[in-house]
Amino acid sequence: MNFTGRLQFRRLMCLIVRQNFTSDCEHAINKQIHLELKSSYNYLAMAYHFDRSDVALPGLYGFFKAASSEEREHATKFMEYLNKRGGTICLEALPAPEFEFTTAKAALIEALDMEKTVNESLLSLHALANKHNDAHLSDFIETHFLVEQVDAQKELADYITQIERCEKELGLHIFDNDLKGKDLH
């Protein structure tokens, strides 16, 4: 079977499994996958910033590296879901991280902003699923993502508050050591 034949066969198989799954929802899930991968990429850049020898904050390195893995897992979960529903995954190029932070607090604020953006996108996707009466997609988002997003935002807000209390170098070192000792996700 040539490439065109395989592509037509794939589309036919997707149509067989597809039920109450609109192209609007498929497109929105692809956008969510891109956002999750972009967040993972940004968290990875943050992690390795804190792993540099002139920064040397291993707790923040571990925290952001774990956050990167979690966001990548979210993207994977959406890709698996898209395949189950008969959709097609359309990956896009990821832009280079655009932030330039000089402090741990600034990095955590950037992370909180990213989590809020991801949460807003999930809420929009949930609303779209409800608009199209796609109960399965609504349940998938509620079950796997919404509570976790609120928890992540609360955790980051708490860390920002704690850093504000200890912005001196010794305080930051103590905060980082405390973070290093936690079970990160």
N, C-alpha and C. Protein backbone atom coordinates (compact mmCIF):
# COMPACT_ATOMS: atom_id res chain seq x y z
N MET A 1 0.86 -1.17 0.00
CA MET A 1 0.00 0.00 0.00
C MET A 1 0.91 1.24 0.00
N ASN A 2 0.67 2.16 -0.92
CA ASN A 2 1.48 3.38 -0.98
C ASN A 2 1.07 4.35 0.12
N PHE A 3 1.81 5.47 0.22
CA PHE A 3 1.57 6.45 1.28
C PHE A 3 0.15 6.99 1.22
N THR A 4 -0.33 7.35 0.04
CA THR A 4 -1.68 7.91 -0.11
C THR A 4 -2.72 6.89 0.34
N GLY A 5 -2.51 5.65 -0.04
CA GLY A 5 -3.43 4.60 0.37
C GLY A 5 -3.45 4.41 1.88
N ARG A 6 -2.28 4.46 2.50
CA ARG A 6 -2.20 4.33 3.97
C ARG A 6 -2.89 5.49 4.65
N LEU A 7 -2.71 6.69 4.10
CA LEU A 7 -3.35 7.88 4.67
C LEU A 7 -4.87 7.77 4.58
N GLN A 8 -5.38 7.33 3.44
CA GLN A 8 -6.82 7.16 3.28
C GLN A 8 -7.34 6.10 4.23
N PHE A 9 -6.60 5.00 4.39
CA PHE A 9 -6.99 3.94 5.32
C PHE A 9 -7.03 4.48 6.75
N ARG A 10 -6.03 5.27 7.13
CA ARG A 10 -5.98 5.86 8.47
C ARG A 10 -7.18 6.76 8.71
N ARG A 11 -7.51 7.58 7.72
CA ARG A 11 -8.68 8.47 7.87
C ARG A 11 -9.96 7.67 8.01
N LEU A 12 -10.09 6.58 7.26
CA LEU A 12 -11.27 5.72 7.36
C LEU A 12 -11.36 5.11 8.75
N MET A 13 -10.24 4.64 9.29
CA MET A 13 -10.23 4.04 10.62
C MET A 13 -10.61 5.08 11.68
N CYS A 14 -10.13 6.31 11.51
CA CYS A 14 -10.49 7.38 12.45
C CYS A 14 -11.98 7.66 12.39
N LEU A 15 -12.55 7.64 11.21
CA LEU A 15 -13.98 7.89 11.07
C LEU A 15 -14.79 6.77 11.71
N ILE A 16 -14.30 5.55 11.69
CA ILE A 16 -15.01 4.43 12.28
C ILE A 16 -15.12 4.62 13.80
N VAL A 17 -14.06 5.04 14.46
CA VAL A 17 -14.05 5.17 15.91
C VAL A 17 -14.68 6.49 16.37
N ARG A 18 -14.71 7.47 15.52
CA ARG A 18 -15.17 8.81 15.88
C ARG A 18 -16.67 8.82 16.16
N GLN A 19 -17.04 9.35 17.34
CA GLN A 19 -18.45 9.48 17.68
C GLN A 19 -18.62 10.73 18.54
N ASN A 20 -19.49 11.61 18.12
CA ASN A 20 -19.77 12.84 18.86
C ASN A 20 -18.47 13.58 19.20
N PHE A 21 -17.56 13.65 18.24
CA PHE A 21 -16.27 14.31 18.44
C PHE A 21 -16.07 15.27 17.28
N THR A 22 -16.27 16.55 17.56
CA THR A 22 -16.24 17.56 16.49
C THR A 22 -14.82 17.96 16.14
N SER A 23 -14.68 18.51 14.95
CA SER A 23 -13.37 19.01 14.53
C SER A 23 -12.95 20.21 15.38
N ASP A 24 -13.94 20.97 15.90
CA ASP A 24 -13.61 22.08 16.82
C ASP A 24 -12.90 21.56 18.07
N CYS A 25 -13.43 20.48 18.64
CA CYS A 25 -12.82 19.89 19.84
C CYS A 25 -11.46 19.29 19.50
N GLU A 26 -11.36 18.65 18.35
CA GLU A 26 -10.09 18.08 17.92
C GLU A 26 -9.03 19.17 17.79
N HIS A 27 -9.39 20.28 17.16
CA HIS A 27 -8.45 21.40 17.00
C HIS A 27 -8.05 21.97 18.36
N ALA A 28 -9.02 22.13 19.25
CA ALA A 28 -8.74 22.69 20.58
C ALA A 28 -7.83 21.76 21.39
N ILE A 29 -8.00 20.46 21.25
CA ILE A 29 -7.12 19.52 21.95
C ILE A 29 -5.71 19.64 21.40
N ASN A 30 -5.56 19.78 20.09
CA ASN A 30 -4.23 19.98 19.51
C ASN A 30 -3.58 21.25 20.04
N LYS A 31 -4.38 22.31 20.21
CA LYS A 31 -3.84 23.55 20.80
C LYS A 31 -3.41 23.30 22.25
N GLN A 32 -4.19 22.50 22.99
CA GLN A 32 -3.85 22.20 24.38
C GLN A 32 -2.56 21.37 24.44
N ILE A 33 -2.41 20.43 23.53
CA ILE A 33 -1.18 19.63 23.47
C ILE A 33 0.02 20.56 23.28
N HIS A 34 -0.11 21.50 22.35
CA HIS A 34 0.98 22.44 22.08
C HIS A 34 1.31 23.26 23.34
N LEU A 35 0.28 23.73 24.03
CA LEU A 35 0.48 24.53 25.23
C LEU A 35 1.15 23.71 26.34
N GLU A 36 0.75 22.46 26.50
CA GLU A 36 1.36 21.59 27.52
C GLU A 36 2.83 21.34 27.18
N LEU A 37 3.13 21.08 25.90
CA LEU A 37 4.52 20.85 25.50
C LEU A 37 5.36 22.12 25.65
N LYS A 38 4.77 23.26 25.33
CA LYS A 38 5.47 24.54 25.50
C LYS A 38 5.78 24.78 26.98
N SER A 39 4.82 24.49 27.84
CA SER A 39 5.05 24.64 29.28
C SER A 39 6.15 23.70 29.76
N SER A 40 6.13 22.47 29.26
CA SER A 40 7.18 21.51 29.62
C SER A 40 8.55 22.04 29.20
N TYR A 41 8.63 22.56 28.01
CA TYR A 41 9.88 23.11 27.47
C TYR A 41 10.36 24.29 28.31
N ASN A 42 9.43 25.18 28.68
CA ASN A 42 9.78 26.33 29.51
C ASN A 42 10.27 25.89 30.90
N TYR A 43 9.56 24.93 31.50
CA TYR A 43 9.98 24.43 32.80
C TYR A 43 11.36 23.78 32.72
N LEU A 44 11.65 23.10 31.63
CA LEU A 44 12.96 22.48 31.47
C LEU A 44 14.05 23.55 31.41
N ALA A 45 13.77 24.64 30.70
CA ALA A 45 14.73 25.75 30.64
C ALA A 45 14.94 26.34 32.03
N MET A 46 13.86 26.49 32.79
CA MET A 46 13.98 27.00 34.16
C MET A 46 14.82 26.05 35.01
N ALA A 47 14.54 24.76 34.90
CA ALA A 47 15.27 23.77 35.70
C ALA A 47 16.77 23.89 35.47
N TYR A 48 17.15 23.93 34.22
CA TYR A 48 18.59 23.95 33.93
C TYR A 48 19.23 25.31 34.19
N HIS A 49 18.41 26.36 34.28
CA HIS A 49 18.94 27.65 34.75
C HIS A 49 19.41 27.50 36.20
N PHE A 50 18.56 26.87 37.02
CA PHE A 50 18.89 26.73 38.44
C PHE A 50 19.95 25.66 38.70
N ASP A 51 20.25 24.85 37.70
CA ASP A 51 21.31 23.84 37.82
C ASP A 51 22.68 24.39 37.42
N ARG A 52 22.71 25.61 36.87
CA ARG A 52 24.00 26.20 36.46
C ARG A 52 24.89 26.39 37.68
N SER A 53 26.19 26.30 37.47
CA SER A 53 27.13 26.42 38.60
C SER A 53 27.13 27.81 39.22
N ASP A 54 26.76 28.83 38.47
CA ASP A 54 26.72 30.18 39.03
C ASP A 54 25.38 30.51 39.69
N VAL A 55 24.44 29.56 39.66
CA VAL A 55 23.14 29.73 40.33
C VAL A 55 23.03 28.69 41.46
N ALA A 56 23.23 27.42 41.14
CA ALA A 56 23.36 26.33 42.11
C ALA A 56 22.24 26.26 43.15
N LEU A 57 21.01 26.11 42.67
CA LEU A 57 19.87 25.92 43.56
C LEU A 57 19.21 24.58 43.19
N PRO A 58 19.71 23.48 43.75
CA PRO A 58 19.25 22.16 43.34
C PRO A 58 17.78 21.86 43.67
N GLY A 59 17.25 22.49 44.70
CA GLY A 59 15.83 22.29 45.01
C GLY A 59 14.94 22.85 43.91
N LEU A 60 15.26 24.06 43.46
CA LEU A 60 14.49 24.66 42.37
C LEU A 60 14.72 23.90 41.07
N TYR A 61 15.94 23.44 40.86
CA TYR A 61 16.21 22.60 39.68
C TYR A 61 15.28 21.38 39.69
N GLY A 62 15.22 20.68 40.81
CA GLY A 62 14.37 19.49 40.91
C GLY A 62 12.90 19.80 40.76
N PHE A 63 12.47 20.91 41.37
CA PHE A 63 11.06 21.31 41.28
C PHE A 63 10.67 21.57 39.83
N PHE A 64 11.47 22.38 39.12
CA PHE A 64 11.12 22.73 37.75
C PHE A 64 11.29 21.55 36.79
N LYS A 65 12.24 20.67 37.08
CA LYS A 65 12.41 19.48 36.23
C LYS A 65 11.19 18.56 36.38
N ALA A 66 10.71 18.40 37.61
CA ALA A 66 9.51 17.59 37.85
C ALA A 66 8.29 18.23 37.17
N ALA A 67 8.21 19.56 37.22
CA ALA A 67 7.10 20.26 36.57
C ALA A 67 7.15 20.05 35.05
N SER A 68 8.35 20.04 34.49
CA SER A 68 8.50 19.78 33.06
C SER A 68 7.98 18.40 32.70
N SER A 69 8.36 17.41 33.48
CA SER A 69 7.89 16.04 33.23
C SER A 69 6.38 15.94 33.33
N GLU A 70 5.81 16.62 34.31
CA GLU A 70 4.36 16.58 34.50
C GLU A 70 3.63 17.19 33.30
N GLU A 71 4.12 18.31 32.81
CA GLU A 71 3.47 18.94 31.65
C GLU A 71 3.60 18.05 30.40
N ARG A 72 4.74 17.41 30.25
CA ARG A 72 4.92 16.49 29.11
C ARG A 72 3.95 15.31 29.24
N GLU A 73 3.75 14.81 30.46
CA GLU A 73 2.78 13.73 30.69
C GLU A 73 1.37 14.19 30.33
N HIS A 74 1.05 15.44 30.64
CA HIS A 74 -0.26 15.97 30.26
C HIS A 74 -0.43 15.95 28.74
N ALA A 75 0.59 16.40 28.03
CA ALA A 75 0.54 16.41 26.56
C ALA A 75 0.35 14.99 26.04
N THR A 76 1.09 14.05 26.61
CA THR A 76 0.97 12.65 26.19
C THR A 76 -0.43 12.12 26.44
N LYS A 77 -0.99 12.46 27.59
CA LYS A 77 -2.34 12.02 27.93
C LYS A 77 -3.35 12.56 26.91
N PHE A 78 -3.19 13.82 26.52
CA PHE A 78 -4.08 14.38 25.50
C PHE A 78 -3.88 13.72 24.14
N MET A 79 -2.63 13.38 23.79
CA MET A 79 -2.38 12.70 22.51
C MET A 79 -3.03 11.32 22.50
N GLU A 80 -2.90 10.59 23.59
CA GLU A 80 -3.54 9.28 23.68
C GLU A 80 -5.05 9.41 23.57
N TYR A 81 -5.60 10.42 24.23
CA TYR A 81 -7.04 10.67 24.18
C TYR A 81 -7.48 10.99 22.76
N LEU A 82 -6.74 11.85 22.09
CA LEU A 82 -7.08 12.23 20.72
C LEU A 82 -7.10 11.01 19.81
N ASN A 83 -6.14 10.13 19.96
CA ASN A 83 -6.14 8.89 19.17
C ASN A 83 -7.34 8.01 19.49
N LYS A 84 -7.69 7.91 20.77
CA LYS A 84 -8.85 7.10 21.17
C LYS A 84 -10.14 7.60 20.52
N ARG A 85 -10.25 8.92 20.41
CA ARG A 85 -11.47 9.51 19.88
C ARG A 85 -11.49 9.59 18.36
N GLY A 86 -10.42 9.16 17.70
CA GLY A 86 -10.40 9.17 16.25
C GLY A 86 -9.89 10.46 15.66
N GLY A 87 -9.20 11.24 16.46
CA GLY A 87 -8.64 12.50 15.98
C GLY A 87 -7.26 12.30 15.40
N THR A 88 -6.70 13.38 14.91
CA THR A 88 -5.36 13.38 14.34
C THR A 88 -4.50 14.37 15.12
N ILE A 89 -3.35 13.91 15.55
CA ILE A 89 -2.42 14.76 16.30
C ILE A 89 -1.66 15.63 15.31
N CYS A 90 -1.65 16.93 15.56
CA CYS A 90 -0.93 17.88 14.71
C CYS A 90 0.05 18.66 15.58
N LEU A 91 1.28 18.18 15.66
CA LEU A 91 2.29 18.86 16.47
C LEU A 91 2.85 20.06 15.73
N GLU A 92 3.11 21.11 16.48
CA GLU A 92 3.69 22.34 15.93
C GLU A 92 5.07 22.56 16.55
N ALA A 93 5.86 23.38 15.90
CA ALA A 93 7.17 23.74 16.45
C ALA A 93 6.99 24.52 17.74
N LEU A 94 7.89 24.29 18.68
CA LEU A 94 7.84 25.01 19.95
C LEU A 94 8.76 26.22 19.88
N PRO A 95 8.28 27.37 20.33
CA PRO A 95 9.15 28.55 20.35
C PRO A 95 10.16 28.45 21.49
N ALA A 96 11.25 29.14 21.35
CA ALA A 96 12.24 29.20 22.43
C ALA A 96 11.62 29.90 23.63
N PRO A 97 11.99 29.49 24.84
CA PRO A 97 11.48 30.20 26.02
C PRO A 97 11.78 31.69 25.92
N GLU A 98 10.78 32.51 26.27
CA GLU A 98 10.89 33.96 26.07
C GLU A 98 11.18 34.74 27.34
N PHE A 99 11.23 34.10 28.47
CA PHE A 99 11.41 34.82 29.72
C PHE A 99 12.88 34.93 30.09
N GLU A 100 13.17 36.00 30.78
CA GLU A 100 14.52 36.22 31.29
C GLU A 100 14.35 36.64 32.74
N PHE A 101 14.57 35.72 33.65
CA PHE A 101 14.39 36.03 35.07
C PHE A 101 15.75 36.03 35.75
N THR A 102 15.84 36.83 36.79
CA THR A 102 17.11 36.94 37.51
C THR A 102 17.01 36.42 38.94
N THR A 103 15.80 36.14 39.40
CA THR A 103 15.62 35.67 40.77
C THR A 103 14.71 34.44 40.78
N ALA A 104 14.79 33.71 41.88
CA ALA A 104 13.90 32.56 42.06
C ALA A 104 12.45 33.01 42.10
N LYS A 105 12.21 34.13 42.77
CA LYS A 105 10.85 34.66 42.85
C LYS A 105 10.30 34.96 41.46
N ALA A 106 11.10 35.59 40.61
CA ALA A 106 10.65 35.91 39.25
C ALA A 106 10.34 34.64 38.47
N ALA A 107 11.13 33.60 38.66
CA ALA A 107 10.88 32.33 37.97
C ALA A 107 9.57 31.70 38.45
N LEU A 108 9.33 31.76 39.75
CA LEU A 108 8.09 31.20 40.29
C LEU A 108 6.87 32.00 39.83
N ILE A 109 7.02 33.31 39.72
CA ILE A 109 5.93 34.15 39.20
C ILE A 109 5.65 33.79 37.75
N GLU A 110 6.71 33.60 36.97
CA GLU A 110 6.55 33.18 35.57
C GLU A 110 5.85 31.82 35.50
N ALA A 111 6.24 30.91 36.38
CA ALA A 111 5.62 29.58 36.41
C ALA A 111 4.14 29.68 36.76
N LEU A 112 3.80 30.54 37.73
CA LEU A 112 2.40 30.73 38.10
C LEU A 112 1.61 31.29 36.92
N ASP A 113 2.18 32.24 36.21
CA ASP A 113 1.51 32.79 35.02
C ASP A 113 1.28 31.70 33.97
N MET A 114 2.27 30.82 33.77
CA MET A 114 2.11 29.72 32.82
C MET A 114 0.98 28.79 33.25
N GLU A 115 0.94 28.46 34.54
CA GLU A 115 -0.11 27.57 35.03
C GLU A 115 -1.49 28.20 34.88
N LYS A 116 -1.58 29.49 35.09
CA LYS A 116 -2.87 30.17 34.89
C LYS A 116 -3.28 30.13 33.43
N THR A 117 -2.33 30.29 32.52
CA THR A 117 -2.62 30.21 31.09
C THR A 117 -3.09 28.81 30.71
N VAL A 118 -2.42 27.80 31.22
CA VAL A 118 -2.83 26.41 30.95
C VAL A 118 -4.22 26.17 31.52
N ASN A 119 -4.48 26.64 32.73
CA ASN A 119 -5.78 26.45 33.35
C ASN A 119 -6.88 27.14 32.54
N GLU A 120 -6.63 28.35 32.09
CA GLU A 120 -7.62 29.08 31.28
C GLU A 120 -7.91 28.32 29.99
N SER A 121 -6.88 27.76 29.39
CA SER A 121 -7.06 26.98 28.17
C SER A 121 -7.89 25.72 28.44
N LEU A 122 -7.62 25.06 29.55
CA LEU A 122 -8.41 23.88 29.93
C LEU A 122 -9.87 24.24 30.16
N LEU A 123 -10.11 25.36 30.82
CA LEU A 123 -11.49 25.79 31.06
C LEU A 123 -12.20 26.11 29.74
N SER A 124 -11.49 26.71 28.80
CA SER A 124 -12.07 26.99 27.48
C SER A 124 -12.36 25.70 26.74
N LEU A 125 -11.45 24.74 26.82
CA LEU A 125 -11.67 23.44 26.19
C LEU A 125 -12.87 22.73 26.81
N HIS A 126 -12.99 22.82 28.12
CA HIS A 126 -14.13 22.23 28.83
C HIS A 126 -15.44 22.88 28.38
N ALA A 127 -15.43 24.20 28.26
CA ALA A 127 -16.64 24.91 27.81
C ALA A 127 -17.00 24.51 26.38
N LEU A 128 -15.99 24.36 25.53
CA LEU A 128 -16.23 23.93 24.14
C LEU A 128 -16.83 22.52 24.12
N ALA A 129 -16.30 21.64 24.94
CA ALA A 129 -16.85 20.27 25.02
C ALA A 129 -18.31 20.31 25.46
N ASN A 130 -18.62 21.14 26.44
CA ASN A 130 -20.01 21.27 26.89
C ASN A 130 -20.89 21.84 25.79
N LYS A 131 -20.38 22.82 25.07
CA LYS A 131 -21.14 23.44 23.97
C LYS A 131 -21.52 22.39 22.92
N HIS A 132 -20.61 21.44 22.67
CA HIS A 132 -20.85 20.41 21.66
C HIS A 132 -21.42 19.12 22.27
N ASN A 133 -21.86 19.20 23.52
CA ASN A 133 -22.44 18.05 24.22
C ASN A 133 -21.51 16.83 24.20
N ASP A 134 -20.23 17.08 24.36
CA ASP A 134 -19.24 16.01 24.39
C ASP A 134 -18.94 15.68 25.85
N ALA A 135 -19.81 14.86 26.44
CA ALA A 135 -19.69 14.52 27.86
C ALA A 135 -18.38 13.79 28.15
N HIS A 136 -17.92 12.98 27.22
CA HIS A 136 -16.69 12.23 27.44
C HIS A 136 -15.49 13.16 27.58
N LEU A 137 -15.38 14.15 26.70
CA LEU A 137 -14.28 15.11 26.78
C LEU A 137 -14.37 15.94 28.06
N SER A 138 -15.58 16.37 28.40
CA SER A 138 -15.77 17.14 29.64
C SER A 138 -15.30 16.34 30.85
N ASP A 139 -15.71 15.08 30.91
CA ASP A 139 -15.31 14.21 32.02
C ASP A 139 -13.80 13.99 32.04
N PHE A 140 -13.21 13.79 30.88
CA PHE A 140 -11.76 13.59 30.78
C PHE A 140 -11.01 14.78 31.37
N ILE A 141 -11.43 15.98 31.03
CA ILE A 141 -10.77 17.19 31.52
C ILE A 141 -10.97 17.33 33.03
N GLU A 142 -12.20 17.12 33.49
CA GLU A 142 -12.48 17.23 34.91
C GLU A 142 -11.70 16.20 35.72
N THR A 143 -11.66 14.98 35.24
CA THR A 143 -11.03 13.88 35.97
C THR A 143 -9.51 14.03 36.04
N HIS A 144 -8.90 14.45 34.94
CA HIS A 144 -7.44 14.39 34.86
C HIS A 144 -6.71 15.73 35.04
N PHE A 145 -7.41 16.86 34.95
CA PHE A 145 -6.66 18.11 34.87
C PHE A 145 -7.11 19.24 35.79
N LEU A 146 -8.39 19.48 35.95
CA LEU A 146 -8.83 20.72 36.59
C LEU A 146 -8.39 20.84 38.05
N VAL A 147 -8.58 19.81 38.84
CA VAL A 147 -8.18 19.88 40.25
C VAL A 147 -6.67 20.04 40.36
N GLU A 148 -5.95 19.30 39.54
CA GLU A 148 -4.48 19.37 39.56
C GLU A 148 -3.99 20.78 39.22
N GLN A 149 -4.66 21.46 38.31
CA GLN A 149 -4.26 22.82 37.94
C GLN A 149 -4.43 23.77 39.11
N VAL A 150 -5.54 23.67 39.80
CA VAL A 150 -5.78 24.54 40.96
C VAL A 150 -4.74 24.26 42.04
N ASP A 151 -4.43 22.98 42.26
CA ASP A 151 -3.41 22.62 43.25
C ASP A 151 -2.04 23.18 42.87
N ALA A 152 -1.69 23.11 41.59
CA ALA A 152 -0.39 23.64 41.13
C ALA A 152 -0.32 25.15 41.33
N GLN A 153 -1.41 25.85 41.04
CA GLN A 153 -1.42 27.30 41.22
C GLN A 153 -1.27 27.66 42.70
N LYS A 154 -1.94 26.93 43.56
CA LYS A 154 -1.84 27.18 45.00
C LYS A 154 -0.42 26.93 45.49
N GLU A 155 0.18 25.83 45.04
CA GLU A 155 1.54 25.50 45.45
C GLU A 155 2.51 26.61 45.03
N LEU A 156 2.41 27.08 43.81
CA LEU A 156 3.30 28.14 43.33
C LEU A 156 3.07 29.44 44.10
N ALA A 157 1.81 29.78 44.34
CA ALA A 157 1.51 31.00 45.10
C ALA A 157 2.09 30.91 46.51
N ASP A 158 2.00 29.73 47.13
CA ASP A 158 2.59 29.53 48.46
C ASP A 158 4.11 29.72 48.41
N TYR A 159 4.76 29.16 47.40
CA TYR A 159 6.21 29.31 47.28
C TYR A 159 6.62 30.77 47.09
N ILE A 160 5.84 31.49 46.30
CA ILE A 160 6.13 32.92 46.09
C ILE A 160 6.03 33.67 47.41
N THR A 161 4.98 33.38 48.18
CA THR A 161 4.81 34.01 49.49
C THR A 161 5.97 33.68 50.42
N GLN A 162 6.39 32.42 50.42
CA GLN A 162 7.50 32.02 51.28
C GLN A 162 8.80 32.71 50.87
N ILE A 163 9.03 32.82 49.58
CA ILE A 163 10.25 33.51 49.11
C ILE A 163 10.22 34.99 49.47
N GLU A 164 9.04 35.60 49.41
CA GLU A 164 8.94 37.02 49.78
C GLU A 164 9.35 37.22 51.23
N ARG A 165 9.12 36.22 52.06
CA ARG A 165 9.51 36.31 53.47
C ARG A 165 11.01 36.15 53.67
N CYS A 166 11.68 35.53 52.73
CA CYS A 166 13.10 35.21 52.94
C CYS A 166 13.95 35.59 51.73
N GLU A 167 13.80 36.81 51.26
CA GLU A 167 14.50 37.21 50.03
C GLU A 167 16.00 37.42 50.21
N LYS A 168 16.48 37.39 51.39
CA LYS A 168 17.92 37.47 51.59
C LYS A 168 18.54 36.16 51.15
N GLU A 169 19.81 36.17 50.81
CA GLU A 169 20.48 34.97 50.28
C GLU A 169 20.38 33.77 51.22
N LEU A 170 20.59 33.96 52.51
CA LEU A 170 20.52 32.83 53.44
C LEU A 170 19.10 32.27 53.47
N GLY A 171 18.12 33.16 53.47
CA GLY A 171 16.73 32.72 53.46
C GLY A 171 16.41 31.90 52.22
N LEU A 172 16.90 32.34 51.08
CA LEU A 172 16.68 31.61 49.83
C LEU A 172 17.34 30.23 49.90
N HIS A 173 18.53 30.18 50.47
CA HIS A 173 19.23 28.90 50.62
C HIS A 173 18.42 27.94 51.50
N ILE A 174 17.88 28.43 52.60
CA ILE A 174 17.06 27.60 53.50
C ILE A 174 15.80 27.14 52.77
N PHE A 175 15.14 28.06 52.06
CA PHE A 175 13.95 27.70 51.29
C PHE A 175 14.28 26.61 50.27
N ASP A 176 15.37 26.78 49.56
CA ASP A 176 15.74 25.82 48.53
C ASP A 176 16.04 24.45 49.14
N ASN A 177 16.73 24.42 50.27
CA ASN A 177 17.01 23.14 50.92
C ASN A 177 15.72 22.46 51.38
N ASP A 178 14.77 23.24 51.86
CA ASP A 178 13.47 22.69 52.24
C ASP A 178 12.78 22.09 51.02
N LEU A 179 12.81 22.80 49.92
CA LEU A 179 12.19 22.33 48.68
C LEU A 179 12.88 21.06 48.18
N LYS A 180 14.19 21.01 48.31
CA LYS A 180 14.96 19.85 47.85
C LYS A 180 14.53 18.59 48.60
N GLY A 181 14.14 18.74 49.86
CA GLY A 181 13.76 17.58 50.66
C GLY A 181 12.34 17.09 50.43
N LYS A 182 11.55 17.79 49.66
CA LYS A 182 10.16 17.41 49.42
C LYS A 182 10.06 16.38 48.31
N ASP A 183 9.00 15.57 48.37
CA ASP A 183 8.69 14.65 47.29
C ASP A 183 8.03 15.47 46.19
N LEU A 184 8.73 15.65 45.08
CA LEU A 184 8.25 16.51 44.01
C LEU A 184 7.43 15.69 43.02
N HIS A 185 6.14 15.76 43.16
CA HIS A 185 5.15 15.12 42.28
C HIS A 185 5.38 13.66 42.28
